[in-house]
Amino acid sequence: MNADAQKRAAAARAVEFVLPGMRLGLGTGSTAKYFVELVGERVRAGLDIIAVPTSEATQVQAKQCGIRLTTLEETPELDLTVDGADEIGPDLSLIKGGGGALLREKIVATASTRMIVIADQSKWVGTLGQFPLPIEIAPFGYAATLRAVEKTIATIQRCGPITLRQGKNGHVFVTDGGHWIIDASLGRIDDPRAIAHALSGVPGVMEHGLFVGLANMVIIGEPDGVKLVEQS
């Protein structure tokens, strides 16, 4: 299977964990799109669930698929969130945010009893960090926040270049929440928990793309099938 087929296979396996009556978190990104599509097929076949989308794009897709939607204000506790990832480490720590939805993704994942991550084989890595770490920040004082982020990371490990993310139109990328994203090229992250804790204390940082201790299971699409890895 190629990467797209691996993503779809992982999504199809994750759908098997969706049970009638569930309150479901719907992730964002190329792999999560397959999951939303497949859930929609089951809904049209009679599956009764309600879901919270993690982005405006997922909300649009879910509505088109006929999935009944709610919000965390109406449904603050979810049974399961299924989402993708940009990198997955052996302890199921994640880097997320390549699609720009990391704040909402983390809020929804934290509100869920269980999180399943779906991905193709390329996302499984020995050490996090080759994918630049997305950090969502307030636009106000962004240059000062960027410098504070650099200094904070440098107290723990080497900090590579940090860049302000640009959108496809050449302007600054703006998240659904109206924030900006800076991407930190770290090369490797030996202690994700320490970096996550440190970044959470920087004024101006709304959220970061390190998801530590949130994923309960990872489903990896491989060339000859799928692999399930559960949190130890």
Protein backbone atom coordinates (compact mmCIF):
# COMPACT_ATOMS: atom_id res chain seq x y z
CA MET A 1 0.00 0.00 0.00
CA ASN A 2 1.12 3.54 -0.70
CA ALA A 3 0.86 6.28 1.95
CA ASP A 4 -2.75 7.19 1.12
CA ALA A 5 -3.82 3.55 1.22
CA GLN A 6 -2.03 3.15 4.56
CA LYS A 7 -3.90 6.17 5.95
CA ARG A 8 -7.23 4.82 4.81
CA ALA A 9 -6.47 1.36 6.22
CA ALA A 10 -5.60 2.88 9.61
CA ALA A 11 -8.79 4.95 9.54
CA ALA A 12 -10.88 1.90 8.66
CA ARG A 13 -9.46 -0.01 11.62
CA ALA A 14 -10.18 2.91 13.96
CA VAL A 15 -13.82 3.01 12.86
CA GLU A 16 -14.21 -0.44 14.44
CA PHE A 17 -13.79 1.22 17.85
CA VAL A 18 -16.71 3.59 17.27
CA LEU A 19 -19.80 2.25 19.08
CA PRO A 20 -23.45 3.34 18.97
CA GLY A 21 -24.22 6.27 21.26
CA MET A 22 -20.62 7.47 21.43
CA ARG A 23 -19.61 11.10 21.85
CA LEU A 24 -16.79 11.35 19.35
CA GLY A 25 -13.96 13.82 18.73
CA LEU A 26 -13.13 14.21 15.04
CA GLY A 27 -9.55 15.09 14.20
CA THR A 28 -8.10 17.27 11.45
CA GLY A 29 -5.73 16.47 8.59
CA SER A 30 -5.25 14.15 5.65
CA THR A 31 -5.59 10.92 7.66
CA ALA A 32 -8.45 12.15 9.84
CA LYS A 33 -10.37 13.03 6.66
CA TYR A 34 -10.53 9.34 5.80
CA PHE A 35 -11.86 8.58 9.28
CA VAL A 36 -14.59 11.24 9.01
CA GLU A 37 -15.56 9.90 5.61
CA LEU A 38 -15.84 6.33 6.90
CA VAL A 39 -17.77 7.39 10.02
CA GLY A 40 -20.14 9.24 7.72
CA GLU A 41 -20.76 6.05 5.77
CA ARG A 42 -21.69 4.23 8.98
CA VAL A 43 -23.91 7.10 10.12
CA ARG A 44 -25.82 6.97 6.85
CA ALA A 45 -26.19 3.24 7.43
CA GLY A 46 -27.81 3.89 10.83
CA LEU A 47 -25.00 4.44 13.36
CA ASP A 48 -26.13 6.88 16.07
CA ILE A 49 -23.25 9.02 17.35
CA ILE A 50 -22.62 12.69 18.02
CA ALA A 51 -19.32 14.41 17.32
CA VAL A 52 -17.18 17.46 18.07
CA PRO A 53 -14.95 18.61 15.17
CA THR A 54 -11.47 19.99 15.89
CA SER A 55 -11.44 22.52 13.05
CA GLU A 56 -13.65 24.48 10.71
CA ALA A 57 -12.52 22.22 7.85
CA THR A 58 -13.52 19.07 9.73
CA GLN A 59 -16.82 20.65 10.68
CA VAL A 60 -17.62 21.30 7.02
CA GLN A 61 -16.67 17.75 6.01
CA ALA A 62 -18.62 16.17 8.88
CA LYS A 63 -21.77 18.12 7.98
CA GLN A 64 -21.43 17.03 4.36
CA CYS A 65 -21.14 13.43 5.58
CA GLY A 66 -24.33 13.74 7.62
CA ILE A 67 -22.67 13.41 11.02
CA ARG A 68 -24.61 15.01 13.87
CA LEU A 69 -22.43 17.63 15.55
CA THR A 70 -22.22 19.18 18.98
CA THR A 71 -19.80 21.43 20.88
CA LEU A 72 -17.78 21.01 24.05
CA GLU A 73 -20.06 23.59 25.66
CA GLU A 74 -23.03 21.27 25.07
CA THR A 75 -21.07 18.01 25.47
CA PRO A 76 -17.98 18.65 27.62
CA GLU A 77 -17.03 14.98 28.04
CA LEU A 78 -16.27 12.75 25.06
CA ASP A 79 -15.81 8.99 24.85
CA LEU A 80 -13.25 8.84 22.07
CA THR A 81 -11.19 11.12 19.83
CA VAL A 82 -9.58 9.82 16.65
CA ASP A 83 -6.95 12.05 15.07
CA GLY A 84 -3.78 11.94 13.01
CA ALA A 85 -0.25 13.05 13.88
CA ASP A 86 2.83 14.46 12.19
CA GLU A 87 5.18 12.28 14.26
CA ILE A 88 4.63 9.45 16.73
CA GLY A 89 7.34 8.33 19.16
CA PRO A 90 7.75 4.87 20.72
CA ASP A 91 6.09 6.04 23.99
CA LEU A 92 3.14 7.40 21.92
CA SER A 93 4.18 11.01 22.45
CA LEU A 94 3.15 13.02 19.40
CA ILE A 95 3.96 16.08 17.37
CA LYS A 96 0.77 17.57 15.96
CA GLY A 97 -0.18 20.88 14.38
CA GLY A 98 1.06 20.61 10.82
CA GLY A 99 -2.48 21.41 9.74
CA GLY A 100 -2.75 24.31 12.16
CA ALA A 101 -5.47 22.91 14.45
CA LEU A 102 -3.33 21.93 17.43
CA LEU A 103 -5.10 24.04 20.08
CA ARG A 104 -8.56 22.68 19.33
CA GLU A 105 -7.15 19.20 18.79
CA LYS A 106 -5.57 19.20 22.24
CA ILE A 107 -8.68 20.60 23.93
CA VAL A 108 -10.83 17.89 22.34
CA ALA A 109 -8.32 15.12 23.07
CA THR A 110 -8.08 16.19 26.72
CA ALA A 111 -11.87 16.14 27.01
CA SER A 112 -11.94 12.53 25.80
CA THR A 113 -11.73 9.35 27.82
CA ARG A 114 -9.63 7.80 25.07
CA MET A 115 -7.57 8.99 22.11
CA ILE A 116 -6.68 6.84 19.11
CA VAL A 117 -4.10 8.15 16.65
CA ILE A 118 -4.11 7.00 13.04
CA ALA A 119 -1.22 7.43 10.62
CA ASP A 120 0.78 5.95 7.79
CA GLN A 121 4.08 4.21 8.47
CA SER A 122 6.20 7.32 7.80
CA LYS A 123 4.87 9.04 10.94
CA TRP A 124 6.32 6.39 13.30
CA VAL A 125 9.77 7.60 14.42
CA GLY A 126 12.44 6.58 16.89
CA THR A 127 12.77 10.10 18.32
CA LEU A 128 10.50 13.10 17.85
CA GLY A 129 11.81 16.29 16.29
CA GLN A 130 12.53 15.90 12.60
CA PHE A 131 9.12 17.48 11.95
CA PRO A 132 9.27 21.12 13.09
CA LEU A 133 7.35 21.64 16.34
CA PRO A 134 4.29 23.87 15.82
CA ILE A 135 3.68 26.41 18.59
CA GLU A 136 0.47 28.47 18.52
CA ILE A 137 0.98 32.03 19.77
CA ALA A 138 -0.95 35.26 20.26
CA PRO A 139 -0.26 37.77 17.46
CA PHE A 140 0.35 40.54 20.00
CA GLY A 141 4.07 40.82 20.75
CA TYR A 142 4.90 37.79 18.61
CA ALA A 143 8.56 38.75 18.18
CA ALA A 144 9.03 38.88 21.95
CA THR A 145 7.21 35.56 22.30
CA LEU A 146 9.43 33.99 19.64
CA ARG A 147 12.56 35.11 21.51
CA ALA A 148 11.14 33.81 24.79
CA VAL A 149 10.42 30.46 23.16
CA GLU A 150 13.99 30.27 21.84
CA LYS A 151 15.45 31.01 25.28
CA THR A 152 13.13 28.53 26.98
CA ILE A 153 13.99 25.67 24.64
CA ALA A 154 17.71 26.52 24.90
CA THR A 155 17.60 25.85 28.66
CA ILE A 156 16.75 22.22 27.86
CA GLN A 157 18.36 21.43 24.52
CA ARG A 158 19.72 22.91 21.32
CA CYS A 159 17.22 25.18 19.60
CA GLY A 160 17.32 25.45 15.81
CA PRO A 161 15.64 28.06 13.61
CA ILE A 162 12.12 29.17 14.54
CA THR A 163 9.98 30.63 11.76
CA LEU A 164 6.60 32.32 11.57
CA ARG A 165 4.31 30.12 9.47
CA GLN A 166 3.08 31.60 6.21
CA GLY A 167 -0.22 30.76 4.55
CA LYS A 168 -0.72 29.75 0.93
CA ASN A 169 -1.61 33.34 0.00
CA GLY A 170 1.73 34.68 1.20
CA HIS A 171 0.27 36.20 4.35
CA VAL A 172 0.77 34.99 7.91
CA PHE A 173 -1.08 31.73 8.58
CA VAL A 174 -3.99 32.34 10.96
CA THR A 175 -5.56 29.51 12.98
CA ASP A 176 -9.29 29.00 13.44
CA GLY A 177 -8.87 30.70 16.82
CA GLY A 178 -7.26 33.80 15.30
CA HIS A 179 -3.71 32.96 16.46
CA TRP A 180 -0.41 32.56 14.63
CA ILE A 181 1.93 29.57 14.51
CA ILE A 182 5.70 29.47 14.82
CA ASP A 183 7.53 26.30 13.77
CA ALA A 184 10.61 25.28 15.76
CA SER A 185 13.16 23.14 13.93
CA LEU A 186 14.71 21.12 16.73
CA GLY A 187 16.11 18.09 14.88
CA ARG A 188 15.40 15.79 17.81
CA ILE A 189 13.49 16.09 21.08
CA ASP A 190 15.03 13.82 23.70
CA ASP A 191 12.68 14.89 26.52
CA PRO A 192 9.25 15.81 25.09
CA ARG A 193 7.71 16.12 28.54
CA ALA A 194 10.28 18.71 29.67
CA ILE A 195 9.89 20.77 26.50
CA ALA A 196 6.10 20.59 26.76
CA HIS A 197 6.11 21.74 30.37
CA ALA A 198 8.53 24.59 29.68
CA LEU A 199 6.65 25.93 26.66
CA SER A 200 3.37 25.92 28.55
CA GLY A 201 4.83 28.54 30.89
CA VAL A 202 5.81 31.07 28.20
CA PRO A 203 3.47 34.09 28.08
CA GLY A 204 2.02 34.44 24.59
CA VAL A 205 2.12 30.69 23.88
CA MET A 206 -1.46 29.56 23.48
CA GLU A 207 -0.54 25.89 22.95
CA HIS A 208 2.21 23.71 21.51
CA GLY A 209 2.16 20.63 19.31
CA LEU A 210 3.64 18.17 21.81
CA PHE A 211 0.92 15.74 22.87
CA VAL A 212 2.40 13.81 25.78
CA GLY A 213 0.41 11.14 27.62
CA LEU A 214 -2.77 11.71 25.60
CA ALA A 215 -2.71 8.90 23.02
CA ASN A 216 -3.96 5.55 24.32
CA MET A 217 -3.52 3.67 21.06
CA VAL A 218 -1.84 4.22 17.72
CA ILE A 219 -2.96 2.50 14.53
CA ILE A 220 -0.25 2.53 11.87
CA GLY A 221 -1.00 1.67 8.28
CA GLU A 222 1.82 -0.41 6.83
CA PRO A 223 2.50 -1.78 3.33
CA ASP A 224 0.96 -5.14 4.22
CA GLY A 225 -1.71 -4.18 6.78
CA VAL A 226 -2.10 -2.25 10.03
CA LYS A 227 -0.23 -2.32 13.34
CA LEU A 228 -1.83 -1.46 16.70
CA VAL A 229 0.35 -0.12 19.50
CA GLU A 230 -1.22 0.54 22.90
CA GLN A 231 0.07 2.74 25.69
CA SER A 232 2.07 0.64 28.15
